[in-house]
Amino acid sequence: MARICELTGKRPIKGSIIWRSGKSKKSGGIGTHVTAITKRRFFPNLQRVKALIDGEVRYIRVTANALKKGLVVKAPKRTWKKEDATAAVKA
């Protein structure tokens, strides 16, 4: 499953890890030097939320940022009881 927010379209972005060695000049050394650069990815903070979409309740994956902004209409709490368990006992 793609790591993409269904509302904002936020997706992983590319970046890099920069390895440095040496002691900084500020700390009394001769300066730090880059020894390696490794590729990495920054992932969005996705949450699986039960939301109301086009009148029906379904799970969507949205970023925490979208939740904070109030872009998601949360599904109403269930007030009815499950009848499957009671019907199975009676039958």
N, C-alpha and C. Protein backbone atom coordinates (compact mmCIF):
# COMPACT_ATOMS: atom_id res chain seq x y z
N MET A 1 0.84 -1.18 0.00
CA MET A 1 0.00 0.00 0.00
C MET A 1 0.89 1.25 0.00
N ALA A 2 0.55 2.20 -0.85
CA ALA A 2 1.35 3.41 -0.96
C ALA A 2 1.22 4.27 0.29
N ARG A 3 2.32 4.88 0.67
CA ARG A 3 2.31 5.74 1.86
C ARG A 3 1.94 7.16 1.45
N ILE A 4 0.69 7.35 1.03
CA ILE A 4 0.22 8.64 0.55
C ILE A 4 -1.03 9.02 1.33
N CYS A 5 -1.11 10.28 1.74
CA CYS A 5 -2.29 10.79 2.44
C CYS A 5 -3.43 10.92 1.43
N GLU A 6 -4.62 10.41 1.79
CA GLU A 6 -5.75 10.41 0.87
C GLU A 6 -6.39 11.79 0.73
N LEU A 7 -6.10 12.70 1.65
CA LEU A 7 -6.70 14.04 1.58
C LEU A 7 -5.72 15.08 1.04
N THR A 8 -4.52 15.10 1.59
CA THR A 8 -3.57 16.15 1.20
C THR A 8 -2.63 15.71 0.07
N GLY A 9 -2.50 14.40 -0.15
CA GLY A 9 -1.61 13.90 -1.19
C GLY A 9 -0.14 13.89 -0.79
N LYS A 10 0.12 14.08 0.50
CA LYS A 10 1.51 14.04 0.98
C LYS A 10 2.08 12.65 0.79
N ARG A 11 3.34 12.57 0.34
CA ARG A 11 3.98 11.29 0.08
C ARG A 11 5.41 11.34 0.58
N PRO A 12 6.11 10.20 0.58
CA PRO A 12 7.51 10.21 1.03
C PRO A 12 8.37 11.13 0.16
N ILE A 13 9.34 11.79 0.78
CA ILE A 13 10.25 12.64 0.03
C ILE A 13 11.67 12.14 0.21
N LYS A 14 12.53 12.45 -0.76
CA LYS A 14 13.91 11.97 -0.72
C LYS A 14 14.78 12.90 0.10
N GLY A 15 15.81 12.31 0.67
CA GLY A 15 16.79 13.08 1.42
C GLY A 15 18.07 12.28 1.52
N SER A 16 18.95 12.70 2.39
CA SER A 16 20.18 11.95 2.56
C SER A 16 20.71 12.06 3.97
N ILE A 17 21.43 11.01 4.37
CA ILE A 17 22.14 11.01 5.64
C ILE A 17 23.57 11.41 5.32
N ILE A 18 24.09 12.41 5.99
CA ILE A 18 25.45 12.86 5.75
C ILE A 18 26.31 12.43 6.93
N TRP A 19 27.29 11.53 6.66
CA TRP A 19 28.21 11.07 7.69
C TRP A 19 29.39 12.01 7.75
N ARG A 20 29.69 12.46 8.96
CA ARG A 20 30.83 13.37 9.14
C ARG A 20 31.79 12.77 10.15
N SER A 21 33.07 13.05 9.96
CA SER A 21 34.05 12.61 10.95
C SER A 21 34.95 13.78 11.28
N GLY A 22 35.57 13.71 12.42
CA GLY A 22 36.46 14.77 12.85
C GLY A 22 35.86 15.61 13.96
N LYS A 23 36.69 16.44 14.53
CA LYS A 23 36.27 17.31 15.63
C LYS A 23 36.08 18.71 15.07
N SER A 24 34.99 19.36 15.44
CA SER A 24 34.71 20.70 14.91
C SER A 24 35.75 21.71 15.36
N LYS A 25 35.93 22.74 14.55
CA LYS A 25 36.90 23.79 14.88
C LYS A 25 36.51 24.50 16.18
N LYS A 26 35.20 24.63 16.37
CA LYS A 26 34.67 25.29 17.57
C LYS A 26 35.11 24.55 18.84
N SER A 27 35.22 23.20 18.71
CA SER A 27 35.62 22.38 19.85
C SER A 27 37.13 22.18 19.95
N GLY A 28 37.89 22.83 19.07
CA GLY A 28 39.34 22.74 19.15
C GLY A 28 39.96 21.77 18.16
N GLY A 29 39.18 21.26 17.20
CA GLY A 29 39.72 20.32 16.21
C GLY A 29 40.12 21.04 14.94
N ILE A 30 40.35 20.26 13.90
CA ILE A 30 40.73 20.85 12.61
C ILE A 30 39.55 20.93 11.64
N GLY A 31 38.37 20.59 12.13
CA GLY A 31 37.16 20.67 11.31
C GLY A 31 36.61 19.31 10.94
N THR A 32 35.32 19.24 10.67
CA THR A 32 34.70 17.97 10.29
C THR A 32 34.73 17.81 8.78
N HIS A 33 34.73 16.56 8.33
CA HIS A 33 34.75 16.26 6.90
C HIS A 33 33.66 15.25 6.59
N VAL A 34 33.03 15.41 5.43
CA VAL A 34 32.00 14.48 4.99
C VAL A 34 32.69 13.22 4.49
N THR A 35 32.30 12.05 5.06
CA THR A 35 32.92 10.80 4.64
C THR A 35 31.99 9.96 3.77
N ALA A 36 30.67 10.14 3.92
CA ALA A 36 29.72 9.37 3.11
C ALA A 36 28.38 10.07 3.08
N ILE A 37 27.67 9.89 1.98
CA ILE A 37 26.30 10.39 1.87
C ILE A 37 25.44 9.21 1.42
N THR A 38 24.45 8.88 2.24
CA THR A 38 23.57 7.76 1.97
C THR A 38 22.15 8.27 1.72
N LYS A 39 21.48 7.72 0.72
CA LYS A 39 20.12 8.14 0.43
C LYS A 39 19.15 7.59 1.47
N ARG A 40 18.11 8.36 1.74
CA ARG A 40 17.07 7.92 2.67
C ARG A 40 15.75 8.55 2.26
N ARG A 41 14.66 8.14 2.92
CA ARG A 41 13.34 8.69 2.62
C ARG A 41 12.69 9.18 3.90
N PHE A 42 11.98 10.30 3.79
CA PHE A 42 11.22 10.85 4.91
C PHE A 42 9.76 10.51 4.67
N PHE A 43 9.14 9.76 5.58
CA PHE A 43 7.75 9.32 5.42
C PHE A 43 6.79 10.25 6.14
N PRO A 44 5.60 10.47 5.57
CA PRO A 44 4.59 11.28 6.27
C PRO A 44 4.02 10.50 7.46
N ASN A 45 3.55 11.22 8.44
CA ASN A 45 2.99 10.61 9.65
C ASN A 45 1.55 10.19 9.38
N LEU A 46 1.36 9.01 8.78
CA LEU A 46 0.02 8.55 8.39
C LEU A 46 -0.68 7.84 9.54
N GLN A 47 -1.97 8.11 9.64
CA GLN A 47 -2.82 7.47 10.64
C GLN A 47 -4.01 6.83 9.94
N ARG A 48 -4.45 5.68 10.42
CA ARG A 48 -5.62 5.01 9.85
C ARG A 48 -6.83 5.45 10.67
N VAL A 49 -7.78 6.14 10.01
CA VAL A 49 -8.89 6.77 10.70
C VAL A 49 -10.21 6.33 10.09
N LYS A 50 -11.21 6.09 10.93
CA LYS A 50 -12.54 5.79 10.44
C LYS A 50 -13.24 7.13 10.20
N ALA A 51 -13.57 7.41 8.94
CA ALA A 51 -14.11 8.72 8.58
C ALA A 51 -15.40 8.58 7.78
N LEU A 52 -16.15 9.67 7.72
CA LEU A 52 -17.38 9.74 6.96
C LEU A 52 -17.05 10.33 5.60
N ILE A 53 -17.16 9.50 4.53
CA ILE A 53 -16.83 9.95 3.18
C ILE A 53 -18.00 9.68 2.26
N ASP A 54 -18.54 10.74 1.66
CA ASP A 54 -19.71 10.65 0.76
C ASP A 54 -20.87 9.90 1.41
N GLY A 55 -21.09 10.15 2.70
CA GLY A 55 -22.22 9.55 3.41
C GLY A 55 -21.98 8.14 3.93
N GLU A 56 -20.83 7.56 3.65
CA GLU A 56 -20.56 6.22 4.17
C GLU A 56 -19.29 6.21 5.01
N VAL A 57 -19.27 5.30 5.97
CA VAL A 57 -18.14 5.20 6.90
C VAL A 57 -17.11 4.25 6.31
N ARG A 58 -15.86 4.72 6.22
CA ARG A 58 -14.78 3.84 5.76
C ARG A 58 -13.46 4.30 6.35
N TYR A 59 -12.49 3.40 6.32
CA TYR A 59 -11.16 3.72 6.83
C TYR A 59 -10.36 4.43 5.76
N ILE A 60 -9.65 5.49 6.15
CA ILE A 60 -8.76 6.19 5.23
C ILE A 60 -7.42 6.41 5.94
N ARG A 61 -6.39 6.60 5.14
CA ARG A 61 -5.06 6.89 5.71
C ARG A 61 -4.76 8.36 5.46
N VAL A 62 -4.66 9.12 6.55
CA VAL A 62 -4.40 10.55 6.44
C VAL A 62 -3.24 10.94 7.35
N THR A 63 -2.62 12.06 7.04
CA THR A 63 -1.52 12.54 7.87
C THR A 63 -2.06 13.12 9.17
N ALA A 64 -1.22 13.11 10.18
CA ALA A 64 -1.59 13.68 11.48
C ALA A 64 -1.86 15.17 11.32
N ASN A 65 -1.16 15.79 10.38
CA ASN A 65 -1.35 17.22 10.11
C ASN A 65 -2.77 17.50 9.61
N ALA A 66 -3.30 16.63 8.74
CA ALA A 66 -4.66 16.78 8.23
C ALA A 66 -5.68 16.61 9.35
N LEU A 67 -5.40 15.70 10.28
CA LEU A 67 -6.29 15.50 11.42
C LEU A 67 -6.33 16.75 12.31
N LYS A 68 -5.14 17.33 12.54
CA LYS A 68 -5.06 18.53 13.37
C LYS A 68 -5.80 19.71 12.74
N LYS A 69 -5.73 19.82 11.41
CA LYS A 69 -6.39 20.92 10.71
C LYS A 69 -7.90 20.77 10.66
N GLY A 70 -8.39 19.56 10.95
CA GLY A 70 -9.83 19.32 10.94
C GLY A 70 -10.36 18.98 9.56
N LEU A 71 -9.52 18.43 8.69
CA LEU A 71 -9.95 18.07 7.35
C LEU A 71 -10.75 16.78 7.32
N VAL A 72 -10.72 16.02 8.42
CA VAL A 72 -11.39 14.73 8.47
C VAL A 72 -12.66 14.83 9.30
N VAL A 73 -13.77 14.33 8.74
CA VAL A 73 -15.03 14.24 9.50
C VAL A 73 -15.08 12.83 10.07
N LYS A 74 -14.91 12.72 11.38
CA LYS A 74 -14.87 11.42 12.02
C LYS A 74 -16.24 10.73 11.95
N ALA A 75 -16.23 9.42 11.92
CA ALA A 75 -17.46 8.63 11.87
C ALA A 75 -18.18 8.73 13.21
N PRO A 76 -19.53 8.75 13.19
CA PRO A 76 -20.26 8.80 14.47
C PRO A 76 -20.09 7.49 15.23
N LYS A 77 -20.17 7.57 16.54
CA LYS A 77 -20.04 6.39 17.39
C LYS A 77 -21.25 5.48 17.19
N ARG A 78 -21.01 4.18 17.25
CA ARG A 78 -22.11 3.22 17.10
C ARG A 78 -22.97 3.23 18.34
N THR A 79 -24.29 3.31 18.16
CA THR A 79 -25.21 3.29 19.31
C THR A 79 -25.99 2.00 19.36
N TRP A 80 -26.02 1.24 18.26
CA TRP A 80 -26.78 -0.01 18.23
C TRP A 80 -25.89 -1.18 18.61
N LYS A 81 -26.53 -2.23 19.12
CA LYS A 81 -25.81 -3.42 19.53
C LYS A 81 -25.75 -4.41 18.37
N LYS A 82 -24.75 -5.26 18.38
CA LYS A 82 -24.64 -6.30 17.38
C LYS A 82 -25.73 -7.34 17.62
N GLU A 83 -26.48 -7.69 16.57
CA GLU A 83 -27.56 -8.66 16.73
C GLU A 83 -27.13 -10.06 16.30
N ASP A 84 -25.97 -10.18 15.68
CA ASP A 84 -25.51 -11.48 15.20
C ASP A 84 -25.32 -12.47 16.34
N ALA A 85 -24.75 -12.03 17.44
CA ALA A 85 -24.46 -12.92 18.57
C ALA A 85 -25.76 -13.40 19.21
N THR A 86 -26.74 -12.51 19.38
CA THR A 86 -28.00 -12.90 20.03
C THR A 86 -28.85 -13.76 19.10
N ALA A 87 -28.81 -13.51 17.79
CA ALA A 87 -29.58 -14.28 16.83
C ALA A 87 -29.03 -15.71 16.71
N ALA A 88 -27.71 -15.86 16.82
CA ALA A 88 -27.09 -17.17 16.71
C ALA A 88 -27.44 -18.05 17.91
N VAL A 89 -27.60 -17.43 19.08
CA VAL A 89 -27.92 -18.17 20.29
C VAL A 89 -29.37 -18.67 20.23
N LYS A 90 -30.29 -17.84 19.74
CA LYS A 90 -31.71 -18.19 19.67
C LYS A 90 -32.00 -19.26 18.63
N ALA A 91 -31.23 -19.26 17.53
CA ALA A 91 -31.51 -20.20 16.43
C ALA A 91 -31.00 -21.60 16.66
